PDB file of N, CA and C in Angstrom:
ATOM      1  N   MET A   1       2.360 -15.359   8.746  1.00  0.00           N
ATOM      2  CA  MET A   1       2.098 -14.072   8.159  1.00  0.00           C
ATOM      3  C   MET A   1       0.618 -13.987   7.791  1.00  0.00           C
ATOM      4  N   PRO A   2      -0.042 -12.921   8.178  1.00  0.00           N
ATOM      5  CA  PRO A   2      -1.466 -12.776   7.831  1.00  0.00           C
ATOM      6  C   PRO A   2      -1.633 -12.502   6.336  1.00  0.00           C
ATOM      7  N   ILE A   3      -2.825 -12.755   5.825  1.00  0.00           N
ATOM      8  CA  ILE A   3      -3.129 -12.486   4.425  1.00  0.00           C
ATOM      9  C   ILE A   3      -3.270 -10.979   4.245  1.00  0.00           C
ATOM     10  N   GLU A   4      -2.546 -10.447   3.262  1.00  0.00           N
ATOM     11  CA  GLU A   4      -2.618  -9.026   2.953  1.00  0.00           C
ATOM     12  C   GLU A   4      -2.775  -8.820   1.457  1.00  0.00           C
ATOM     13  N   VAL A   5      -3.518  -7.754   1.091  1.00  0.00           N
ATOM     14  CA  VAL A   5      -3.684  -7.362  -0.306  1.00  0.00           C
ATOM     15  C   VAL A   5      -3.080  -5.972  -0.461  1.00  0.00           C
ATOM     16  N   ASP A   6      -2.047  -5.860  -1.298  1.00  0.00           N
ATOM     17  CA  ASP A   6      -1.408  -4.567  -1.550  1.00  0.00           C
ATOM     18  C   ASP A   6      -2.313  -3.754  -2.473  1.00  0.00           C
ATOM     19  N   ILE A   7      -2.733  -2.571  -2.007  1.00  0.00           N
ATOM     20  CA  ILE A   7      -3.680  -1.772  -2.787  1.00  0.00           C
ATOM     21  C   ILE A   7      -3.045  -1.118  -4.002  1.00  0.00           C
ATOM     22  N   ARG A   8      -1.725  -1.098  -4.111  1.00  0.00           N
ATOM     23  CA  ARG A   8      -1.056  -0.518  -5.284  1.00  0.00           C
ATOM     24  C   ARG A   8      -0.889  -1.518  -6.414  1.00  0.00           C
ATOM     25  N   THR A   9      -0.863  -2.818  -6.086  1.00  0.00           N
ATOM     26  CA  THR A   9      -0.593  -3.828  -7.109  1.00  0.00           C
ATOM     27  C   THR A   9      -1.657  -4.922  -7.170  1.00  0.00           C
ATOM     28  N   GLY A  10      -2.457  -5.066  -6.124  1.00  0.00           N
ATOM     29  CA  GLY A  10      -3.453  -6.135  -6.059  1.00  0.00           C
ATOM     30  C   GLY A  10      -2.872  -7.483  -5.665  1.00  0.00           C
ATOM     31  N   GLN A  11      -1.573  -7.531  -5.388  1.00  0.00           N
ATOM     32  CA  GLN A  11      -0.926  -8.788  -5.016  1.00  0.00           C
ATOM     33  C   GLN A  11      -1.379  -9.246  -3.635  1.00  0.00           C
ATOM     34  N   VAL A  12      -1.644 -10.554  -3.515  1.00  0.00           N
ATOM     35  CA  VAL A  12      -2.039 -11.165  -2.253  1.00  0.00           C
ATOM     36  C   VAL A  12      -0.828 -11.904  -1.696  1.00  0.00           C
ATOM     37  N   THR A  13      -0.504 -11.650  -0.429  1.00  0.00           N
ATOM     38  CA  THR A  13       0.593 -12.353   0.232  1.00  0.00           C
ATOM     39  C   THR A  13       0.083 -13.004   1.506  1.00  0.00           C
ATOM     40  N   GLY A  14       0.772 -14.045   1.957  1.00  0.00           N
ATOM     41  CA  GLY A  14       0.426 -14.692   3.217  1.00  0.00           C
ATOM     42  C   GLY A  14      -0.667 -15.736   3.112  1.00  0.00           C
ATOM     43  N   GLY A  15      -1.118 -16.057   1.916  1.00  0.00           N
ATOM     44  CA  GLY A  15      -2.186 -17.050   1.735  1.00  0.00           C
ATOM     45  C   GLY A  15      -3.085 -16.631   0.597  1.00  0.00           C
ATOM     46  N   SER A  16      -4.291 -17.137   0.595  1.00  0.00           N
ATOM     47  CA  SER A  16      -5.254 -16.763  -0.438  1.00  0.00           C
ATOM     48  C   SER A  16      -6.599 -16.458   0.213  1.00  0.00           C
ATOM     49  N   LEU A  17      -7.386 -15.650  -0.458  1.00  0.00           N
ATOM     50  CA  LEU A  17      -8.704 -15.295   0.075  1.00  0.00           C
ATOM     51  C   LEU A  17      -9.638 -16.489  -0.009  1.00  0.00           C
ATOM     52  N   SER A  18     -10.407 -16.673   1.040  1.00  0.00           N
ATOM     53  CA  SER A  18     -11.419 -17.721   1.069  1.00  0.00           C
ATOM     54  C   SER A  18     -12.632 -17.192   1.826  1.00  0.00           C
ATOM     55  N   SER A  19     -13.734 -17.884   1.738  1.00  0.00           N
ATOM     56  CA  SER A  19     -14.980 -17.444   2.374  1.00  0.00           C
ATOM     57  C   SER A  19     -14.778 -17.144   3.852  1.00  0.00           C
ATOM     58  N   GLY A  20     -15.133 -15.930   4.251  1.00  0.00           N
ATOM     59  CA  GLY A  20     -15.102 -15.540   5.645  1.00  0.00           C
ATOM     60  C   GLY A  20     -13.726 -15.315   6.259  1.00  0.00           C
ATOM     61  N   CYS A  21     -12.663 -15.333   5.465  1.00  0.00           N
ATOM     62  CA  CYS A  21     -11.318 -15.188   6.040  1.00  0.00           C
ATOM     63  C   CYS A  21     -11.015 -13.731   6.387  1.00  0.00           C
ATOM     64  N   ASP A  22     -10.159 -13.565   7.380  1.00  0.00           N
ATOM     65  CA  ASP A  22      -9.639 -12.245   7.725  1.00  0.00           C
ATOM     66  C   ASP A  22      -8.481 -11.933   6.783  1.00  0.00           C
ATOM     67  N   PHE A  23      -8.403 -10.678   6.337  1.00  0.00           N
ATOM     68  CA  PHE A  23      -7.256 -10.234   5.547  1.00  0.00           C
ATOM     69  C   PHE A  23      -7.040  -8.756   5.821  1.00  0.00           C
ATOM     70  N   GLY A  24      -5.986  -8.208   5.280  1.00  0.00           N
ATOM     71  CA  GLY A  24      -5.707  -6.794   5.477  1.00  0.00           C
ATOM     72  C   GLY A  24      -5.474  -6.091   4.159  1.00  0.00           C
ATOM     73  N   TRP A  25      -6.021  -4.875   4.038  1.00  0.00           N
ATOM     74  CA  TRP A  25      -5.711  -4.012   2.904  1.00  0.00           C
ATOM     75  C   TRP A  25      -4.413  -3.304   3.258  1.00  0.00           C
ATOM     76  N   LYS A  26      -3.340  -3.561   2.513  1.00  0.00           N
ATOM     77  CA  LYS A  26      -2.025  -2.981   2.798  1.00  0.00           C
ATOM     78  C   LYS A  26      -1.794  -1.767   1.896  1.00  0.00           C
ATOM     79  N   ASN A  27      -1.610  -0.611   2.515  1.00  0.00           N
ATOM     80  CA  ASN A  27      -1.336   0.616   1.771  1.00  0.00           C
ATOM     81  C   ASN A  27       0.175   0.829   1.749  1.00  0.00           C
ATOM     82  N   SER A  28       0.821   0.425   0.658  1.00  0.00           N
ATOM     83  CA  SER A  28       2.266   0.567   0.539  1.00  0.00           C
ATOM     84  C   SER A  28       2.660   1.926  -0.047  1.00  0.00           C
ATOM     85  N   SER A  29       1.701   2.824  -0.190  1.00  0.00           N
ATOM     86  CA  SER A  29       1.987   4.153  -0.737  1.00  0.00           C
ATOM     87  C   SER A  29       2.342   5.126   0.385  1.00  0.00           C
ATOM     88  N   THR A  30       2.690   6.348  -0.011  1.00  0.00           N
ATOM     89  CA  THR A  30       3.025   7.399   0.950  1.00  0.00           C
ATOM     90  C   THR A  30       1.853   8.354   1.174  1.00  0.00           C
ATOM     91  N   GLN A  31       0.658   7.966   0.697  1.00  0.00           N
ATOM     92  CA  GLN A  31      -0.532   8.803   0.833  1.00  0.00           C
ATOM     93  C   GLN A  31      -1.635   8.053   1.571  1.00  0.00           C
ATOM     94  N   ASN A  32      -2.433   8.784   2.344  1.00  0.00           N
ATOM     95  CA  ASN A  32      -3.642   8.204   2.918  1.00  0.00           C
ATOM     96  C   ASN A  32      -4.628   7.954   1.777  1.00  0.00           C
ATOM     97  N   VAL A  33      -5.348   6.829   1.835  1.00  0.00           N
ATOM     98  CA  VAL A  33      -6.203   6.424   0.727  1.00  0.00           C
ATOM     99  C   VAL A  33      -7.565   5.961   1.236  1.00  0.00           C
ATOM    100  N   ALA A  34      -8.618   6.287   0.489  1.00  0.00           N
ATOM    101  CA  ALA A  34      -9.951   5.737   0.724  1.00  0.00           C
ATOM    102  C   ALA A  34     -10.173   4.649  -0.320  1.00  0.00           C
ATOM    103  N   LEU A  35     -10.497   3.435   0.128  1.00  0.00           N
ATOM    104  CA  LEU A  35     -10.732   2.296  -0.764  1.00  0.00           C
ATOM    105  C   LEU A  35     -12.196   1.897  -0.670  1.00  0.00           C
ATOM    106  N   THR A  36     -12.816   1.673  -1.831  1.00  0.00           N
ATOM    107  CA  THR A  36     -14.204   1.217  -1.889  1.00  0.00           C
ATOM    108  C   THR A  36     -14.272  -0.030  -2.758  1.00  0.00           C
ATOM    109  N   PRO A  37     -14.630  -1.197  -2.178  1.00  0.00           N
ATOM    110  CA  PRO A  37     -14.807  -2.403  -2.997  1.00  0.00           C
ATOM    111  C   PRO A  37     -15.946  -2.187  -3.995  1.00  0.00           C
ATOM    112  N   SER A  38     -15.784  -2.727  -5.218  1.00  0.00           N
ATOM    113  CA  SER A  38     -16.778  -2.521  -6.273  1.00  0.00           C
ATOM    114  C   SER A  38     -17.866  -3.589  -6.306  1.00  0.00           C
ATOM    115  N   SER A  39     -17.786  -4.578  -5.435  1.00  0.00           N
ATOM    116  CA  SER A  39     -18.832  -5.601  -5.367  1.00  0.00           C
ATOM    117  C   SER A  39     -18.890  -6.140  -3.940  1.00  0.00           C
ATOM    118  N   ASN A  40     -19.541  -7.269  -3.744  1.00  0.00           N
ATOM    119  CA  ASN A  40     -19.800  -7.780  -2.401  1.00  0.00           C
ATOM    120  C   ASN A  40     -18.820  -8.869  -1.964  1.00  0.00           C
ATOM    121  N   TYR A  41     -17.533  -8.755  -2.307  1.00  0.00           N
ATOM    122  CA  TYR A  41     -16.557  -9.781  -1.928  1.00  0.00           C
ATOM    123  C   TYR A  41     -15.960  -9.579  -0.538  1.00  0.00           C
ATOM    124  N   CYS A  42     -16.250  -8.443   0.104  1.00  0.00           N
ATOM    125  CA  CYS A  42     -15.831  -8.279   1.504  1.00  0.00           C
ATOM    126  C   CYS A  42     -16.940  -7.586   2.274  1.00  0.00           C
ATOM    127  N   THR A  43     -16.873  -7.699   3.601  1.00  0.00           N
ATOM    128  CA  THR A  43     -17.992  -7.255   4.419  1.00  0.00           C
ATOM    129  C   THR A  43     -18.064  -5.744   4.588  1.00  0.00           C
ATOM    130  N   GLY A  44     -16.963  -5.036   4.462  1.00  0.00           N
ATOM    131  CA  GLY A  44     -16.968  -3.578   4.609  1.00  0.00           C
ATOM    132  C   GLY A  44     -17.297  -2.880   3.311  1.00  0.00           C
ATOM    133  N   SER A  45     -17.918  -1.705   3.404  1.00  0.00           N
ATOM    134  CA  SER A  45     -18.280  -0.966   2.196  1.00  0.00           C
ATOM    135  C   SER A  45     -17.236   0.082   1.825  1.00  0.00           C
ATOM    136  N   SER A  46     -16.378   0.470   2.776  1.00  0.00           N
ATOM    137  CA  SER A  46     -15.288   1.409   2.486  1.00  0.00           C
ATOM    138  C   SER A  46     -14.242   1.326   3.598  1.00  0.00           C
ATOM    139  N   TYR A  47     -13.014   1.700   3.238  1.00  0.00           N
ATOM    140  CA  TYR A  47     -11.890   1.610   4.163  1.00  0.00           C
ATOM    141  C   TYR A  47     -10.999   2.835   3.999  1.00  0.00           C
ATOM    142  N   ASP A  48     -10.715   3.534   5.093  1.00  0.00           N
ATOM    143  CA  ASP A  48      -9.736   4.612   5.089  1.00  0.00           C
ATOM    144  C   ASP A  48      -8.439   4.018   5.596  1.00  0.00           C
ATOM    145  N   ILE A  49      -7.393   4.065   4.739  1.00  0.00           N
ATOM    146  CA  ILE A  49      -6.142   3.380   5.057  1.00  0.00           C
ATOM    147  C   ILE A  49      -5.007   4.396   5.046  1.00  0.00           C
ATOM    148  N   GLY A  50      -4.364   4.567   6.191  1.00  0.00           N
ATOM    149  CA  GLY A  50      -3.250   5.493   6.300  1.00  0.00           C
ATOM    150  C   GLY A  50      -2.038   5.029   5.508  1.00  0.00           C
ATOM    151  N   ALA A  51      -1.200   5.966   5.133  1.00  0.00           N
ATOM    152  CA  ALA A  51       0.023   5.651   4.397  1.00  0.00           C
ATOM    153  C   ALA A  51       0.851   4.644   5.184  1.00  0.00           C
ATOM    154  N   GLY A  52       1.274   3.558   4.510  1.00  0.00           N
ATOM    155  CA  GLY A  52       2.099   2.542   5.148  1.00  0.00           C
ATOM    156  C   GLY A  52       1.374   1.663   6.147  1.00  0.00           C
ATOM    157  N   GLN A  53       0.062   1.741   6.204  1.00  0.00           N
ATOM    158  CA  GLN A  53      -0.729   0.993   7.186  1.00  0.00           C
ATOM    159  C   GLN A  53      -1.455  -0.195   6.558  1.00  0.00           C
ATOM    160  N   VAL A  54      -1.963  -1.076   7.420  1.00  0.00           N
ATOM    161  CA  VAL A  54      -2.788  -2.207   7.000  1.00  0.00           C
ATOM    162  C   VAL A  54      -4.129  -2.080   7.716  1.00  0.00           C
ATOM    163  N   LYS A  55      -5.221  -2.123   6.962  1.00  0.00           N
ATOM    164  CA  LYS A  55      -6.569  -2.013   7.525  1.00  0.00           C
ATOM    165  C   LYS A  55      -7.230  -3.384   7.497  1.00  0.00           C
ATOM    166  N   PRO A  56      -7.680  -3.900   8.663  1.00  0.00           N
ATOM    167  CA  PRO A  56      -8.332  -5.215   8.705  1.00  0.00           C
ATOM    168  C   PRO A  56      -9.618  -5.247   7.886  1.00  0.00           C
ATOM    169  N   ALA A  57      -9.867  -6.408   7.285  1.00  0.00           N
ATOM    170  CA  ALA A  57     -11.073  -6.636   6.490  1.00  0.00           C
ATOM    171  C   ALA A  57     -11.461  -8.109   6.612  1.00  0.00           C
ATOM    172  N   VAL A  58     -12.676  -8.424   6.190  1.00  0.00           N
ATOM    173  CA  VAL A  58     -13.164  -9.803   6.220  1.00  0.00           C
ATOM    174  C   VAL A  58     -13.786 -10.113   4.871  1.00  0.00           C
ATOM    175  N   ALA A  59     -13.392 -11.244   4.280  1.00  0.00           N
ATOM    176  CA  ALA A  59     -13.972 -11.682   3.006  1.00  0.00           C
ATOM    177  C   ALA A  59     -15.413 -12.133   3.233  1.00  0.00           C
ATOM    178  N   ALA A  60     -16.242 -11.938   2.236  1.00  0.00           N
ATOM    179  CA  ALA A  60     -17.647 -12.356   2.315  1.00  0.00           C
ATOM    180  C   ALA A  60     -17.747 -13.873   2.471  1.00  0.00           C
ATOM    181  N   ASN A  61     -18.836 -14.312   3.097  1.00  0.00           N
ATOM    182  CA  ASN A  61     -19.094 -15.732   3.259  1.00  0.00           C
ATOM    183  C   ASN A  61     -20.530 -16.007   2.792  1.00  0.00           C
ATOM    184  N   PRO A  62     -20.712 -16.615   1.634  1.00  0.00           N
ATOM    185  CA  PRO A  62     -19.701 -17.202   0.755  1.00  0.00           C
ATOM    186  C   PRO A  62     -18.998 -16.137  -0.072  1.00  0.00           C
ATOM    187  N   LEU A  63     -17.769 -16.436  -0.473  1.00  0.00           N
ATOM    188  CA  LEU A  63     -16.972 -15.544  -1.305  1.00  0.00           C
ATOM    189  C   LEU A  63     -17.402 -15.721  -2.766  1.00  0.00           C
ATOM    190  N   PRO A  64     -17.891 -14.642  -3.402  1.00  0.00           N
ATOM    191  CA  PRO A  64     -18.316 -14.780  -4.801  1.00  0.00           C
ATOM    192  C   PRO A  64     -17.115 -14.981  -5.724  1.00  0.00           C
ATOM    193  N   ALA A  65     -17.374 -15.345  -6.955  1.00  0.00           N
ATOM    194  CA  ALA A  65     -16.314 -15.505  -7.953  1.00  0.00           C
ATOM    195  C   ALA A  65     -15.726 -14.138  -8.311  1.00  0.00           C
ATOM    196  N   PRO A  66     -14.445 -14.099  -8.705  1.00  0.00           N
ATOM    197  CA  PRO A  66     -13.832 -12.830  -9.143  1.00  0.00           C
ATOM    198  C   PRO A  66     -14.568 -12.287 -10.362  1.00  0.00           C
ATOM    199  N   PRO A  67     -14.401 -11.027 -10.699  1.00  0.00           N
ATOM    200  CA  PRO A  67     -13.295 -10.172 -10.297  1.00  0.00           C
ATOM    201  C   PRO A  67     -13.564  -9.472  -8.971  1.00  0.00           C
ATOM    202  N   TYR A  68     -12.466  -9.069  -8.313  1.00  0.00           N
ATOM    203  CA  TYR A  68     -12.528  -8.344  -7.052  1.00  0.00           C
ATOM    204  C   TYR A  68     -11.957  -6.951  -7.288  1.00  0.00           C
ATOM    205  N   ASN A  69     -12.771  -6.079  -7.878  1.00  0.00           N
ATOM    206  CA  ASN A  69     -12.347  -4.722  -8.212  1.00  0.00           C
ATOM    207  C   ASN A  69     -12.567  -3.778  -7.035  1.00  0.00           C
ATOM    208  N   PHE A  70     -11.862  -2.659  -7.065  1.00  0.00           N
ATOM    209  CA  PHE A  70     -12.056  -1.620  -6.054  1.00  0.00           C
ATOM    210  C   PHE A  70     -11.640  -0.281  -6.639  1.00  0.00           C
ATOM    211  N   THR A  71     -12.089   0.806  -5.985  1.00  0.00           N
ATOM    212  CA  THR A  71     -11.670   2.146  -6.383  1.00  0.00           C
ATOM    213  C   THR A  71     -10.829   2.736  -5.258  1.00  0.00           C
ATOM    214  N   LEU A  72      -9.950   3.648  -5.633  1.00  0.00           N
ATOM    215  CA  LEU A  72      -9.040   4.295  -4.687  1.00  0.00           C
ATOM    216  C   LEU A  72      -9.122   5.802  -4.857  1.00  0.00           C
ATOM    217  N   SER A  73      -9.095   6.512  -3.731  1.00  0.00           N
ATOM    218  CA  SER A  73      -9.049   7.967  -3.778  1.00  0.00           C
ATOM    219  C   SER A  73      -8.062   8.462  -2.723  1.00  0.00           C
ATOM    220  N   PRO A  74      -6.938   9.068  -3.144  1.00  0.00           N
ATOM    221  CA  PRO A  74      -6.493   9.242  -4.518  1.00  0.00           C
ATOM    222  C   PRO A  74      -6.075   7.900  -5.119  1.00  0.00           C
ATOM    223  N   ASN A  75      -6.011   7.861  -6.446  1.00  0.00           N
ATOM    224  CA  ASN A  75      -5.675   6.611  -7.131  1.00  0.00           C
ATOM    225  C   ASN A  75      -4.164   6.375  -7.076  1.00  0.00           C
ATOM    226  N   VAL A  76      -3.736   5.428  -6.239  1.00  0.00           N
ATOM    227  CA  VAL A  76      -2.313   5.095  -6.096  1.00  0.00           C
ATOM    228  C   VAL A  76      -1.971   3.776  -6.796  1.00  0.00           C
ATOM    229  N   TRP A  77      -2.922   3.249  -7.605  1.00  0.00           N
ATOM    230  CA  TRP A  77      -2.725   1.986  -8.328  1.00  0.00           C
ATOM    231  C   TRP A  77      -1.482   2.095  -9.206  1.00  0.00           C
ATOM    232  N   ASN A  78      -0.619   1.090  -9.155  1.00  0.00           N
ATOM    233  CA  ASN A  78       0.647   1.113  -9.880  1.00  0.00           C
ATOM    234  C   ASN A  78       0.856  -0.199 -10.634  1.00  0.00           C
ATOM    235  N   ALA A  79      -0.172  -0.667 -11.325  1.00  0.00           N
ATOM    236  CA  ALA A  79      -0.108  -1.933 -12.064  1.00  0.00           C
ATOM    237  C   ALA A  79      -1.035  -1.815 -13.271  1.00  0.00           C
ATOM    238  N   PRO A  80      -0.914  -2.742 -14.240  1.00  0.00           N
ATOM    239  CA  PRO A  80      -1.796  -2.687 -15.415  1.00  0.00           C
ATOM    240  C   PRO A  80      -3.271  -2.838 -15.048  1.00  0.00           C
ATOM    241  N   SER A  81      -4.143  -2.317 -15.909  1.00  0.00           N
ATOM    242  CA  SER A  81      -5.588  -2.435 -15.777  1.00  0.00           C
ATOM    243  C   SER A  81      -6.101  -1.513 -14.671  1.00  0.00           C
ATOM    244  N   ASN A  82      -7.308  -1.796 -14.185  1.00  0.00           N
ATOM    245  CA  ASN A  82      -7.919  -1.028 -13.098  1.00  0.00           C
ATOM    246  C   ASN A  82      -7.648  -1.723 -11.774  1.00  0.00           C
ATOM    247  N   PRO A  83      -7.796  -1.002 -10.646  1.00  0.00           N
ATOM    248  CA  PRO A  83      -7.530  -1.635  -9.345  1.00  0.00           C
ATOM    249  C   PRO A  83      -8.373  -2.886  -9.114  1.00  0.00           C
ATOM    250  N   HIS A  84      -7.701  -3.992  -8.783  1.00  0.00           N
ATOM    251  CA  HIS A  84      -8.368  -5.270  -8.517  1.00  0.00           C
ATOM    252  C   HIS A  84      -7.418  -6.184  -7.765  1.00  0.00           C
ATOM    253  N   ILE A  85      -7.993  -7.151  -7.061  1.00  0.00           N
ATOM    254  CA  ILE A  85      -7.181  -8.160  -6.378  1.00  0.00           C
ATOM    255  C   ILE A  85      -6.746  -9.176  -7.423  1.00  0.00           C
ATOM    256  N   GLN A  86      -5.445  -9.432  -7.483  1.00  0.00           N
ATOM    257  CA  GLN A  86      -4.906 -10.411  -8.424  1.00  0.00           C
ATOM    258  C   GLN A  86      -5.344 -11.805  -7.982  1.00  0.00           C
ATOM    259  N   THR A  87      -5.835 -12.596  -8.908  1.00  0.00           N
ATOM    260  CA  THR A  87      -6.211 -13.976  -8.624  1.00  0.00           C
ATOM    261  C   THR A  87      -5.463 -14.879  -9.581  1.00  0.00           C
ATOM    262  N   PRO A  88      -5.076 -16.081  -9.155  1.00  0.00           N
ATOM    263  CA  PRO A  88      -4.338 -16.983 -10.055  1.00  0.00           C
ATOM    264  C   PRO A  88      -5.132 -17.288 -11.312  1.00  0.00           C
ATOM    265  N   SER A  89      -4.425 -17.358 -12.423  1.00  0.00           N
ATOM    266  CA  SER A  89      -5.094 -17.694 -13.683  1.00  0.00           C
ATOM    267  C   SER A  89      -5.331 -19.196 -13.755  1.00  0.00           C
ATOM    268  N   MET A  90      -6.201 -19.590 -14.645  1.00  0.00           N
ATOM    269  CA  MET A  90      -6.460 -21.014 -14.836  1.00  0.00           C
ATOM    270  C   MET A  90      -5.187 -21.733 -15.267  1.00  0.00           C
ATOM    271  N   ALA A  91      -4.358 -21.088 -16.092  1.00  0.00           N
ATOM    272  CA  ALA A  91      -3.122 -21.721 -16.569  1.00  0.00           C
ATOM    273  C   ALA A  91      -2.166 -21.984 -15.412  1.00  0.00           C
ATOM    274  N   VAL A  92      -2.029 -21.020 -14.509  1.00  0.00           N
ATOM    275  CA  VAL A  92      -1.146 -21.206 -13.357  1.00  0.00           C
ATOM    276  C   VAL A  92      -1.679 -22.314 -12.468  1.00  0.00           C
ATOM    277  N   ASP A  93      -2.988 -22.338 -12.230  1.00  0.00           N
ATOM    278  CA  ASP A  93      -3.577 -23.388 -11.403  1.00  0.00           C
ATOM    279  C   ASP A  93      -3.325 -24.769 -12.010  1.00  0.00           C
ATOM    280  N   ALA A  94      -3.439 -24.878 -13.325  1.00  0.00           N
ATOM    281  CA  ALA A  94      -3.280 -26.165 -13.991  1.00  0.00           C
ATOM    282  C   ALA A  94      -1.859 -26.686 -13.867  1.00  0.00           C
ATOM    283  N   VAL A  95      -0.864 -25.804 -13.856  1.00  0.00           N
ATOM    284  CA  VAL A  95       0.530 -26.214 -13.733  1.00  0.00           C
ATOM    285  C   VAL A  95       0.777 -26.876 -12.399  1.00  0.00           C
ATOM    286  N   ASP A  96       0.098 -26.414 -11.346  1.00  0.00           N
ATOM    287  CA  ASP A  96       0.315 -26.941  -9.999  1.00  0.00           C
ATOM    288  C   ASP A  96      -0.384 -28.259  -9.732  1.00  0.00           C
ATOM    289  N   ARG A  97      -1.232 -28.721 -10.642  1.00  0.00           N
ATOM    290  CA  ARG A  97      -1.986 -29.958 -10.415  1.00  0.00           C
ATOM    291  C   ARG A  97      -1.277 -31.161 -11.010  1.00  0.00           C
ATOM    292  N   GLU A  98      -1.402 -32.272 -10.329  1.00  0.00           N
ATOM    293  CA  GLU A  98      -0.877 -33.525 -10.869  1.00  0.00           C
ATOM    294  C   GLU A  98      -1.847 -34.065 -11.908  1.00  0.00           C
ATOM    295  N   VAL A  99      -1.298 -34.667 -12.928  1.00  0.00           N
ATOM    296  CA  VAL A  99      -2.126 -35.278 -13.951  1.00  0.00           C
ATOM    297  C   VAL A  99      -1.986 -36.781 -13.831  1.00  0.00           C
ATOM    298  N   ALA A 100      -3.107 -37.483 -13.759  1.00  0.00           N
ATOM    299  CA  ALA A 100      -3.070 -38.941 -13.584  1.00  0.00           C
ATOM    300  C   ALA A 100      -2.801 -39.659 -14.879  1.00  0.00           C
TER     301      ALA A 100
END
């Protein structure tokens, strides 16, 4: 499964973003949407994404540190806070690590 970012929730599926990786902006809404990344974490400056479609994108190389915010027109965001790609928290990362 390819890496996809749902523009309504910011959830990443199919893997995780890394420097230079291909991913897709997934529009799970019923409206056509214009997405504009708010910083330099991907190579495109704007994306027109049809309802129910996935638009190819490429992560920046090197990939800067989060946050990975974006704006939507119309705003179809359906999660807390402002539109952004969800990234694992430090607490979640720590749970997955072995302790010597």
